[in-house]
Protein backbone atom coordinates (compact mmCIF):
# COMPACT_ATOMS: atom_id res chain seq x y z
CA UNK A 1 -2.90 16.84 -49.93
CA UNK A 2 -1.88 15.74 -46.60
CA UNK A 3 -0.65 12.32 -45.46
CA UNK A 4 -2.97 10.54 -42.90
CA UNK A 5 -1.93 7.97 -40.21
CA UNK A 6 -3.60 5.98 -37.51
CA UNK A 7 -1.90 4.67 -34.37
CA UNK A 8 -2.04 2.47 -31.33
CA UNK A 9 -2.07 5.68 -29.30
CA UNK A 10 -5.81 5.98 -30.41
CA UNK A 11 -5.33 9.00 -32.62
CA UNK A 12 -5.60 9.81 -36.24
CA UNK A 13 -3.00 12.39 -37.54
CA UNK A 14 -2.63 14.46 -40.65
CA UNK A 15 0.85 15.46 -41.79
CA UNK A 16 2.29 17.98 -44.13
CA UNK A 17 4.18 16.07 -46.72
CA UNK A 18 6.60 18.96 -47.42
CA UNK A 19 7.71 19.61 -43.75
CA UNK A 20 6.90 16.29 -42.18
CA UNK A 21 5.07 18.17 -39.44
CA UNK A 22 1.82 17.06 -37.80
CA UNK A 23 -0.98 19.30 -38.95
CA UNK A 24 -3.94 17.96 -36.86
CA UNK A 25 -4.51 15.33 -34.17
CA UNK A 26 -7.98 13.74 -34.51
CA UNK A 27 -9.11 12.30 -31.11
CA UNK A 28 -12.09 10.22 -30.28
CA UNK A 29 -11.40 6.53 -30.64
CA UNK A 30 -11.31 4.57 -27.45
CA UNK A 31 -9.02 1.91 -28.80
CA UNK A 32 -6.20 1.33 -31.36
CA UNK A 33 -6.74 2.85 -34.72
CA UNK A 34 -6.34 -0.12 -37.04
CA UNK A 35 -6.28 1.87 -40.21
CA UNK A 36 -7.37 5.01 -42.17
CA UNK A 37 -8.41 5.90 -45.61
CA UNK A 38 -9.32 9.14 -47.40
CA UNK A 39 -12.77 9.34 -49.03
CA UNK A 40 -12.08 9.86 -52.71
CA UNK A 41 -15.02 12.20 -53.32
CA UNK A 42 -15.20 14.39 -50.15
CA UNK A 43 -11.60 14.22 -48.72
CA UNK A 44 -13.05 13.15 -45.44
CA UNK A 45 -10.88 10.76 -43.31
CA UNK A 46 -12.40 7.27 -42.59
CA UNK A 47 -10.87 5.53 -39.60
CA UNK A 48 -11.37 2.01 -38.14
CA UNK A 49 -10.57 0.93 -34.60
CA UNK A 50 -10.47 -1.81 -32.05
CA UNK A 51 -13.09 0.22 -30.13
CA UNK A 52 -15.55 -1.37 -32.61
CA UNK A 53 -16.29 1.81 -34.51
CA UNK A 54 -15.70 3.37 -37.84
CA UNK A 55 -15.41 7.16 -37.68
CA UNK A 56 -15.58 9.90 -40.42
CA UNK A 57 -13.63 13.06 -39.75
CA UNK A 58 -13.49 16.52 -41.23
CA UNK A 59 -9.73 16.90 -42.07
CA UNK A 60 -10.03 20.63 -42.05
CA UNK A 61 -11.58 21.02 -38.56
CA UNK A 62 -10.45 17.69 -37.09
CA UNK A 63 -14.03 17.07 -35.93
CA UNK A 64 -15.51 13.72 -35.98
CA UNK A 65 -18.68 14.05 -38.08
CA UNK A 66 -20.12 10.45 -37.92
CA UNK A 67 -19.63 7.36 -35.95
CA UNK A 68 -20.65 3.81 -37.13
CA UNK A 69 -21.24 1.39 -34.35
CA UNK A 70 -22.48 -2.24 -34.11
CA UNK A 71 -19.51 -4.66 -34.43
CA UNK A 72 -19.08 -6.98 -31.59
CA UNK A 73 -15.15 -6.84 -32.04
CA UNK A 74 -12.71 -4.37 -33.37
CA UNK A 75 -13.06 -3.16 -36.95
CA UNK A 76 -10.11 -4.37 -39.04
CA UNK A 77 -11.24 -3.26 -42.57
CA UNK A 78 -13.32 -0.63 -44.36
CA UNK A 79 -13.51 0.26 -48.01
CA UNK A 80 -14.77 3.30 -49.78
CA UNK A 81 -16.07 2.66 -53.29
CA UNK A 82 -14.06 4.99 -55.62
CA UNK A 83 -16.94 5.76 -57.99
CA UNK A 84 -19.84 6.26 -55.57
CA UNK A 85 -18.02 7.22 -52.40
CA UNK A 86 -20.17 4.54 -50.58
CA UNK A 87 -18.52 3.23 -47.49
CA UNK A 88 -18.70 -0.64 -47.17
């Protein structure tokens, strides 16, 4: 498994835990990335941002596969239910 981080530079990055090297840079947020989590069932990366979106990323390709929009302010929290994989 890789380590995943989010940053004020608007990116999500995946890291090799053995070498410490950046494996992929996931770009698409228009604001600070406030946090990330890994989906427990699919391994997809879920990020939240001050750009008022939640994004789901394919960690293998680095592609954004879904964008959730609708908040009037930045998103500061998101949870993935461990047993069902539902994003809340």
